Amino acid sequence: MTNENIILKINEFLTDEFEVEAGSITPEANLKKTLDLDSLDYIDLVVVVESNFGFKVKPEDFTHIVSFQDFYDYVIRRVDAKELA
């Protein structure tokens, strides 16, 4: 799966799951503010990531994720690691 495909898939499920406009999702935008995430929403986000990409997410993985680019980079790293395993 290419990085571009991963990003497209992420944006697709974020717009569907969190009902945000696709145009508000930009690499530099703040993930939490744009998606209006609370603690329960983070659980939903984890479930969606795990089901779409097939790896387990630890809550502490989100401590350094601020922007959508941070989120993309995290998922891309995890998908790449899974494919190498």
PDB file of N, CA and C in Angstrom:
ATOM      1  N   MET A   1       0.848  -1.176   0.000  1.00  0.00           N
ATOM      2  CA  MET A   1       0.000   0.000   0.000  1.00  0.00           C
ATOM      3  C   MET A   1       0.896   1.243   0.000  1.00  0.00           C
ATOM      4  N   THR A   2       0.643   2.148  -0.917  1.00  0.00           N
ATOM      5  CA  THR A   2       1.478   3.350  -1.002  1.00  0.00           C
ATOM      6  C   THR A   2       1.074   4.358   0.070  1.00  0.00           C
ATOM      7  N   ASN A   3       1.968   5.295   0.348  1.00  0.00           N
ATOM      8  CA  ASN A   3       1.675   6.344   1.320  1.00  0.00           C
ATOM      9  C   ASN A   3       0.444   7.141   0.898  1.00  0.00           C
ATOM     10  N   GLU A   4       0.340   7.421  -0.399  1.00  0.00           N
ATOM     11  CA  GLU A   4      -0.804   8.179  -0.901  1.00  0.00           C
ATOM     12  C   GLU A   4      -2.113   7.416  -0.671  1.00  0.00           C
ATOM     13  N   ASN A   5      -2.086   6.101  -0.890  1.00  0.00           N
ATOM     14  CA  ASN A   5      -3.282   5.285  -0.650  1.00  0.00           C
ATOM     15  C   ASN A   5      -3.662   5.266   0.826  1.00  0.00           C
ATOM     16  N   ILE A   6      -2.656   5.212   1.687  1.00  0.00           N
ATOM     17  CA  ILE A   6      -2.908   5.230   3.131  1.00  0.00           C
ATOM     18  C   ILE A   6      -3.567   6.544   3.527  1.00  0.00           C
ATOM     19  N   ILE A   7      -3.027   7.650   3.038  1.00  0.00           N
ATOM     20  CA  ILE A   7      -3.574   8.972   3.378  1.00  0.00           C
ATOM     21  C   ILE A   7      -5.005   9.114   2.850  1.00  0.00           C
ATOM     22  N   LEU A   8      -5.248   8.664   1.634  1.00  0.00           N
ATOM     23  CA  LEU A   8      -6.606   8.729   1.080  1.00  0.00           C
ATOM     24  C   LEU A   8      -7.578   7.906   1.919  1.00  0.00           C
ATOM     25  N   LYS A   9      -7.155   6.721   2.319  1.00  0.00           N
ATOM     26  CA  LYS A   9      -8.003   5.842   3.137  1.00  0.00           C
ATOM     27  C   LYS A   9      -8.283   6.485   4.498  1.00  0.00           C
ATOM     28  N   ILE A  10      -7.253   7.086   5.105  1.00  0.00           N
ATOM     29  CA  ILE A  10      -7.424   7.764   6.394  1.00  0.00           C
ATOM     30  C   ILE A  10      -8.438   8.893   6.243  1.00  0.00           C
ATOM     31  N   ASN A  11      -8.239   9.748   5.237  1.00  0.00           N
ATOM     32  CA  ASN A  11      -9.134  10.888   5.057  1.00  0.00           C
ATOM     33  C   ASN A  11     -10.570  10.444   4.816  1.00  0.00           C
ATOM     34  N   GLU A  12     -10.722   9.349   4.075  1.00  0.00           N
ATOM     35  CA  GLU A  12     -12.056   8.835   3.792  1.00  0.00           C
ATOM     36  C   GLU A  12     -12.763   8.391   5.064  1.00  0.00           C
ATOM     37  N   PHE A  13     -12.081   7.598   5.903  1.00  0.00           N
ATOM     38  CA  PHE A  13     -12.779   7.143   7.100  1.00  0.00           C
ATOM     39  C   PHE A  13     -12.928   8.242   8.139  1.00  0.00           C
ATOM     40  N   LEU A  14     -12.042   9.236   8.137  1.00  0.00           N
ATOM     41  CA  LEU A  14     -12.211  10.355   9.069  1.00  0.00           C
ATOM     42  C   LEU A  14     -13.426  11.197   8.697  1.00  0.00           C
ATOM     43  N   THR A  15     -13.603  11.463   7.416  1.00  0.00           N
ATOM     44  CA  THR A  15     -14.772  12.260   7.008  1.00  0.00           C
ATOM     45  C   THR A  15     -16.070  11.501   7.279  1.00  0.00           C
ATOM     46  N   ASP A  16     -16.056  10.198   7.080  1.00  0.00           N
ATOM     47  CA  ASP A  16     -17.257   9.389   7.335  1.00  0.00           C
ATOM     48  C   ASP A  16     -17.528   9.246   8.831  1.00  0.00           C
ATOM     49  N   GLU A  17     -16.523   8.840   9.565  1.00  0.00           N
ATOM     50  CA  GLU A  17     -16.687   8.527  10.991  1.00  0.00           C
ATOM     51  C   GLU A  17     -16.933   9.769  11.844  1.00  0.00           C
ATOM     52  N   PHE A  18     -16.233  10.868  11.533  1.00  0.00           N
ATOM     53  CA  PHE A  18     -16.305  12.053  12.382  1.00  0.00           C
ATOM     54  C   PHE A  18     -17.088  13.193  11.750  1.00  0.00           C
ATOM     55  N   GLU A  19     -17.679  12.931  10.583  1.00  0.00           N
ATOM     56  CA  GLU A  19     -18.559  13.876   9.903  1.00  0.00           C
ATOM     57  C   GLU A  19     -17.949  15.273   9.793  1.00  0.00           C
ATOM     58  N   VAL A  20     -16.739  15.329   9.242  1.00  0.00           N
ATOM     59  CA  VAL A  20     -16.079  16.606   8.979  1.00  0.00           C
ATOM     60  C   VAL A  20     -15.940  16.783   7.472  1.00  0.00           C
ATOM     61  N   GLU A  21     -15.844  18.032   7.070  1.00  0.00           N
ATOM     62  CA  GLU A  21     -15.643  18.334   5.660  1.00  0.00           C
ATOM     63  C   GLU A  21     -14.240  17.887   5.250  1.00  0.00           C
ATOM     64  N   ALA A  22     -14.135  17.273   4.093  1.00  0.00           N
ATOM     65  CA  ALA A  22     -12.834  16.801   3.608  1.00  0.00           C
ATOM     66  C   ALA A  22     -11.839  17.947   3.493  1.00  0.00           C
ATOM     67  N   GLY A  23     -12.307  19.136   3.152  1.00  0.00           N
ATOM     68  CA  GLY A  23     -11.427  20.285   2.998  1.00  0.00           C
ATOM     69  C   GLY A  23     -10.800  20.767   4.289  1.00  0.00           C
ATOM     70  N   SER A  24     -11.385  20.401   5.428  1.00  0.00           N
ATOM     71  CA  SER A  24     -10.822  20.817   6.720  1.00  0.00           C
ATOM     72  C   SER A  24      -9.677  19.907   7.161  1.00  0.00           C
ATOM     73  N   ILE A  25      -9.499  18.787   6.468  1.00  0.00           N
ATOM     74  CA  ILE A  25      -8.419  17.858   6.791  1.00  0.00           C
ATOM     75  C   ILE A  25      -7.220  18.195   5.916  1.00  0.00           C
ATOM     76  N   THR A  26      -6.268  18.880   6.529  1.00  0.00           N
ATOM     77  CA  THR A  26      -5.023  19.232   5.849  1.00  0.00           C
ATOM     78  C   THR A  26      -3.865  18.739   6.701  1.00  0.00           C
ATOM     79  N   PRO A  27      -2.712  18.492   6.083  1.00  0.00           N
ATOM     80  CA  PRO A  27      -1.590  17.946   6.862  1.00  0.00           C
ATOM     81  C   PRO A  27      -1.225  18.768   8.097  1.00  0.00           C
ATOM     82  N   GLU A  28      -1.322  20.095   8.018  1.00  0.00           N
ATOM     83  CA  GLU A  28      -0.899  20.932   9.140  1.00  0.00           C
ATOM     84  C   GLU A  28      -2.012  21.195  10.158  1.00  0.00           C
ATOM     85  N   ALA A  29      -3.250  20.817   9.851  1.00  0.00           N
ATOM     86  CA  ALA A  29      -4.366  21.059  10.771  1.00  0.00           C
ATOM     87  C   ALA A  29      -4.232  20.220  12.036  1.00  0.00           C
ATOM     88  N   ASN A  30      -4.763  20.752  13.129  1.00  0.00           N
ATOM     89  CA  ASN A  30      -4.745  20.068  14.412  1.00  0.00           C
ATOM     90  C   ASN A  30      -5.790  18.948  14.403  1.00  0.00           C
ATOM     91  N   LEU A  31      -5.350  17.723  14.629  1.00  0.00           N
ATOM     92  CA  LEU A  31      -6.223  16.545  14.583  1.00  0.00           C
ATOM     93  C   LEU A  31      -7.355  16.654  15.597  1.00  0.00           C
ATOM     94  N   LYS A  32      -7.023  16.932  16.843  1.00  0.00           N
ATOM     95  CA  LYS A  32      -8.015  16.961  17.917  1.00  0.00           C
ATOM     96  C   LYS A  32      -9.045  18.063  17.689  1.00  0.00           C
ATOM     97  N   LYS A  33      -8.591  19.253  17.335  1.00  0.00           N
ATOM     98  CA  LYS A  33      -9.523  20.372  17.139  1.00  0.00           C
ATOM     99  C   LYS A  33     -10.378  20.182  15.904  1.00  0.00           C
ATOM    100  N   THR A  34      -9.783  19.750  14.811  1.00  0.00           N
ATOM    101  CA  THR A  34     -10.529  19.595  13.563  1.00  0.00           C
ATOM    102  C   THR A  34     -11.607  18.532  13.691  1.00  0.00           C
ATOM    103  N   LEU A  35     -11.282  17.433  14.338  1.00  0.00           N
ATOM    104  CA  LEU A  35     -12.245  16.345  14.500  1.00  0.00           C
ATOM    105  C   LEU A  35     -13.101  16.497  15.747  1.00  0.00           C
ATOM    106  N   ASP A  36     -12.792  17.521  16.577  1.00  0.00           N
ATOM    107  CA  ASP A  36     -13.506  17.764  17.829  1.00  0.00           C
ATOM    108  C   ASP A  36     -13.526  16.500  18.690  1.00  0.00           C
ATOM    109  N   LEU A  37     -12.326  15.954  18.923  1.00  0.00           N
ATOM    110  CA  LEU A  37     -12.182  14.682  19.637  1.00  0.00           C
ATOM    111  C   LEU A  37     -12.264  14.846  21.147  1.00  0.00           C
ATOM    112  N   ASP A  38     -13.049  13.979  21.770  1.00  0.00           N
ATOM    113  CA  ASP A  38     -12.990  13.822  23.218  1.00  0.00           C
ATOM    114  C   ASP A  38     -12.443  12.423  23.496  1.00  0.00           C
ATOM    115  N   SER A  39     -12.403  12.033  24.750  1.00  0.00           N
ATOM    116  CA  SER A  39     -11.770  10.747  25.073  1.00  0.00           C
ATOM    117  C   SER A  39     -12.495   9.562  24.426  1.00  0.00           C
ATOM    118  N   LEU A  40     -13.801   9.609  24.327  1.00  0.00           N
ATOM    119  CA  LEU A  40     -14.536   8.516  23.679  1.00  0.00           C
ATOM    120  C   LEU A  40     -14.276   8.490  22.173  1.00  0.00           C
ATOM    121  N   ASP A  41     -14.108   9.675  21.583  1.00  0.00           N
ATOM    122  CA  ASP A  41     -13.810   9.741  20.155  1.00  0.00           C
ATOM    123  C   ASP A  41     -12.449   9.121  19.845  1.00  0.00           C
ATOM    124  N   TYR A  42     -11.496   9.272  20.758  1.00  0.00           N
ATOM    125  CA  TYR A  42     -10.186   8.643  20.553  1.00  0.00           C
ATOM    126  C   TYR A  42     -10.330   7.118  20.484  1.00  0.00           C
ATOM    127  N   ILE A  43     -11.223   6.579  21.305  1.00  0.00           N
ATOM    128  CA  ILE A  43     -11.466   5.127  21.258  1.00  0.00           C
ATOM    129  C   ILE A  43     -12.027   4.747  19.892  1.00  0.00           C
ATOM    130  N   ASP A  44     -12.977   5.538  19.398  1.00  0.00           N
ATOM    131  CA  ASP A  44     -13.529   5.287  18.062  1.00  0.00           C
ATOM    132  C   ASP A  44     -12.438   5.356  16.999  1.00  0.00           C
ATOM    133  N   LEU A  45     -11.561   6.343  17.134  1.00  0.00           N
ATOM    134  CA  LEU A  45     -10.470   6.504  16.176  1.00  0.00           C
ATOM    135  C   LEU A  45      -9.547   5.289  16.191  1.00  0.00           C
ATOM    136  N   VAL A  46      -9.231   4.795  17.372  1.00  0.00           N
ATOM    137  CA  VAL A  46      -8.379   3.611  17.507  1.00  0.00           C
ATOM    138  C   VAL A  46      -9.035   2.407  16.839  1.00  0.00           C
ATOM    139  N   VAL A  47     -10.318   2.211  17.096  1.00  0.00           N
ATOM    140  CA  VAL A  47     -11.040   1.077  16.515  1.00  0.00           C
ATOM    141  C   VAL A  47     -11.033   1.165  14.989  1.00  0.00           C
ATOM    142  N   VAL A  48     -11.270   2.355  14.453  1.00  0.00           N
ATOM    143  CA  VAL A  48     -11.306   2.531  12.999  1.00  0.00           C
ATOM    144  C   VAL A  48      -9.928   2.270  12.388  1.00  0.00           C
ATOM    145  N   VAL A  49      -8.881   2.749  13.036  1.00  0.00           N
ATOM    146  CA  VAL A  49      -7.521   2.525  12.529  1.00  0.00           C
ATOM    147  C   VAL A  49      -7.200   1.033  12.562  1.00  0.00           C
ATOM    148  N   GLU A  50      -7.485   0.386  13.686  1.00  0.00           N
ATOM    149  CA  GLU A  50      -7.179  -1.039  13.812  1.00  0.00           C
ATOM    150  C   GLU A  50      -7.938  -1.874  12.779  1.00  0.00           C
ATOM    151  N   SER A  51      -9.198  -1.544  12.551  1.00  0.00           N
ATOM    152  CA  SER A  51      -9.987  -2.337  11.601  1.00  0.00           C
ATOM    153  C   SER A  51      -9.588  -2.065  10.154  1.00  0.00           C
ATOM    154  N   ASN A  52      -9.145  -0.847   9.852  1.00  0.00           N
ATOM    155  CA  ASN A  52      -8.774  -0.514   8.478  1.00  0.00           C
ATOM    156  C   ASN A  52      -7.357  -0.934   8.116  1.00  0.00           C
ATOM    157  N   PHE A  53      -6.458  -0.966   9.115  1.00  0.00           N
ATOM    158  CA  PHE A  53      -5.053  -1.226   8.800  1.00  0.00           C
ATOM    159  C   PHE A  53      -4.484  -2.471   9.459  1.00  0.00           C
ATOM    160  N   GLY A  54      -5.222  -3.109  10.358  1.00  0.00           N
ATOM    161  CA  GLY A  54      -4.827  -4.393  10.892  1.00  0.00           C
ATOM    162  C   GLY A  54      -3.666  -4.401  11.867  1.00  0.00           C
ATOM    163  N   PHE A  55      -3.505  -3.323  12.626  1.00  0.00           N
ATOM    164  CA  PHE A  55      -2.502  -3.329  13.699  1.00  0.00           C
ATOM    165  C   PHE A  55      -3.117  -2.748  14.961  1.00  0.00           C
ATOM    166  N   LYS A  56      -2.558  -3.115  16.098  1.00  0.00           N
ATOM    167  CA  LYS A  56      -3.055  -2.643  17.390  1.00  0.00           C
ATOM    168  C   LYS A  56      -2.459  -1.280  17.712  1.00  0.00           C
ATOM    169  N   VAL A  57      -3.296  -0.400  18.237  1.00  0.00           N
ATOM    170  CA  VAL A  57      -2.881   0.941  18.622  1.00  0.00           C
ATOM    171  C   VAL A  57      -2.871   1.015  20.140  1.00  0.00           C
ATOM    172  N   LYS A  58      -1.790   1.556  20.701  1.00  0.00           N
ATOM    173  CA  LYS A  58      -1.706   1.773  22.141  1.00  0.00           C
ATOM    174  C   LYS A  58      -2.075   3.230  22.418  1.00  0.00           C
ATOM    175  N   PRO A  59      -2.782   3.490  23.510  1.00  0.00           N
ATOM    176  CA  PRO A  59      -3.171   4.876  23.811  1.00  0.00           C
ATOM    177  C   PRO A  59      -1.985   5.840  23.848  1.00  0.00           C
ATOM    178  N   GLU A  60      -0.861   5.357  24.341  1.00  0.00           N
ATOM    179  CA  GLU A  60       0.314   6.236  24.428  1.00  0.00           C
ATOM    180  C   GLU A  60       0.866   6.613  23.052  1.00  0.00           C
ATOM    181  N   ASP A  61       0.480   5.878  22.019  1.00  0.00           N
ATOM    182  CA  ASP A  61       0.921   6.224  20.665  1.00  0.00           C
ATOM    183  C   ASP A  61       0.405   7.595  20.242  1.00  0.00           C
ATOM    184  N   PHE A  62      -0.698   8.029  20.829  1.00  0.00           N
ATOM    185  CA  PHE A  62      -1.298   9.300  20.444  1.00  0.00           C
ATOM    186  C   PHE A  62      -0.717  10.498  21.185  1.00  0.00           C
ATOM    187  N   THR A  63       0.170  10.284  22.135  1.00  0.00           N
ATOM    188  CA  THR A  63       0.680  11.407  22.916  1.00  0.00           C
ATOM    189  C   THR A  63       1.480  12.404  22.083  1.00  0.00           C
ATOM    190  N   HIS A  64       2.088  11.965  20.998  1.00  0.00           N
ATOM    191  CA  HIS A  64       2.900  12.866  20.179  1.00  0.00           C
ATOM    192  C   HIS A  64       2.214  13.255  18.873  1.00  0.00           C
ATOM    193  N   ILE A  65       0.974  12.856  18.705  1.00  0.00           N
ATOM    194  CA  ILE A  65       0.249  13.180  17.473  1.00  0.00           C
ATOM    195  C   ILE A  65      -0.541  14.468  17.693  1.00  0.00           C
ATOM    196  N   VAL A  66      -0.181  15.497  16.935  1.00  0.00           N
ATOM    197  CA  VAL A  66      -0.868  16.782  17.035  1.00  0.00           C
ATOM    198  C   VAL A  66      -1.585  17.094  15.721  1.00  0.00           C
ATOM    199  N   SER A  67      -0.864  16.984  14.622  1.00  0.00           N
ATOM    200  CA  SER A  67      -1.419  17.343  13.317  1.00  0.00           C
ATOM    201  C   SER A  67      -1.848  16.087  12.544  1.00  0.00           C
ATOM    202  N   PHE A  68      -2.568  16.322  11.460  1.00  0.00           N
ATOM    203  CA  PHE A  68      -2.919  15.203  10.601  1.00  0.00           C
ATOM    204  C   PHE A  68      -1.663  14.566  10.015  1.00  0.00           C
ATOM    205  N   GLN A  69      -0.648  15.381   9.724  1.00  0.00           N
ATOM    206  CA  GLN A  69       0.602  14.832   9.193  1.00  0.00           C
ATOM    207  C   GLN A  69       1.236  13.881  10.202  1.00  0.00           C
ATOM    208  N   ASP A  70       1.214  14.252  11.484  1.00  0.00           N
ATOM    209  CA  ASP A  70       1.723  13.353  12.536  1.00  0.00           C
ATOM    210  C   ASP A  70       0.958  12.030  12.505  1.00  0.00           C
ATOM    211  N   PHE A  71      -0.357  12.123  12.341  1.00  0.00           N
ATOM    212  CA  PHE A  71      -1.211  10.933  12.304  1.00  0.00           C
ATOM    213  C   PHE A  71      -0.901  10.089  11.068  1.00  0.00           C
ATOM    214  N   TYR A  72      -0.789  10.743   9.905  1.00  0.00           N
ATOM    215  CA  TYR A  72      -0.431  10.022   8.680  1.00  0.00           C
ATOM    216  C   TYR A  72       0.897   9.299   8.859  1.00  0.00           C
ATOM    217  N   ASP A  73       1.900  10.020   9.375  1.00  0.00           N
ATOM    218  CA  ASP A  73       3.232   9.444   9.549  1.00  0.00           C
ATOM    219  C   ASP A  73       3.186   8.229  10.472  1.00  0.00           C
ATOM    220  N   TYR A  74       2.413   8.346  11.553  1.00  0.00           N
ATOM    221  CA  TYR A  74       2.280   7.232  12.500  1.00  0.00           C
ATOM    222  C   TYR A  74       1.699   6.000  11.806  1.00  0.00           C
ATOM    223  N   VAL A  75       0.583   6.179  11.092  1.00  0.00           N
ATOM    224  CA  VAL A  75      -0.070   5.046  10.440  1.00  0.00           C
ATOM    225  C   VAL A  75       0.842   4.463   9.367  1.00  0.00           C
ATOM    226  N   ILE A  76       1.487   5.317   8.581  1.00  0.00           N
ATOM    227  CA  ILE A  76       2.393   4.843   7.533  1.00  0.00           C
ATOM    228  C   ILE A  76       3.527   4.011   8.139  1.00  0.00           C
ATOM    229  N   ARG A  77       4.129   4.495   9.232  1.00  0.00           N
ATOM    230  CA  ARG A  77       5.204   3.734   9.906  1.00  0.00           C
ATOM    231  C   ARG A  77       4.707   2.372  10.360  1.00  0.00           C
ATOM    232  N   ARG A  78       3.518   2.348  10.960  1.00  0.00           N
ATOM    233  CA  ARG A  78       2.982   1.089  11.476  1.00  0.00           C
ATOM    234  C   ARG A  78       2.618   0.127  10.340  1.00  0.00           C
ATOM    235  N   VAL A  79       2.056   0.632   9.259  1.00  0.00           N
ATOM    236  CA  VAL A  79       1.718  -0.221   8.114  1.00  0.00           C
ATOM    237  C   VAL A  79       2.982  -0.768   7.493  1.00  0.00           C
ATOM    238  N   ASP A  80       3.999   0.084   7.331  1.00  0.00           N
ATOM    239  CA  ASP A  80       5.280  -0.369   6.775  1.00  0.00           C
ATOM    240  C   ASP A  80       5.901  -1.449   7.650  1.00  0.00           C
ATOM    241  N   ALA A  81       5.885  -1.255   8.971  1.00  0.00           N
ATOM    242  CA  ALA A  81       6.460  -2.237   9.890  1.00  0.00           C
ATOM    243  C   ALA A  81       5.698  -3.564   9.799  1.00  0.00           C
ATOM    244  N   LYS A  82       4.388  -3.477   9.679  1.00  0.00           N
ATOM    245  CA  LYS A  82       3.561  -4.689   9.575  1.00  0.00           C
ATOM    246  C   LYS A  82       3.867  -5.446   8.288  1.00  0.00           C
ATOM    247  N   GLU A  83       4.055  -4.699   7.188  1.00  0.00           N
ATOM    248  CA  GLU A  83       4.339  -5.332   5.913  1.00  0.00           C
ATOM    249  C   GLU A  83       5.724  -5.969   5.885  1.00  0.00           C
ATOM    250  N   LEU A  84       6.652  -5.436   6.668  1.00  0.00           N
ATOM    251  CA  LEU A  84       8.018  -5.995   6.724  1.00  0.00           C
ATOM    252  C   LEU A  84       8.101  -7.226   7.613  1.00  0.00           C
ATOM    253  N   ALA A  85       7.154  -7.344   8.531  1.00  0.00           N
ATOM    254  CA  ALA A  85       7.195  -8.450   9.497  1.00  0.00           C
ATOM    255  C   ALA A  85       6.874  -9.778   8.852  1.00  0.00           C
TER     256      ALA A  85
END
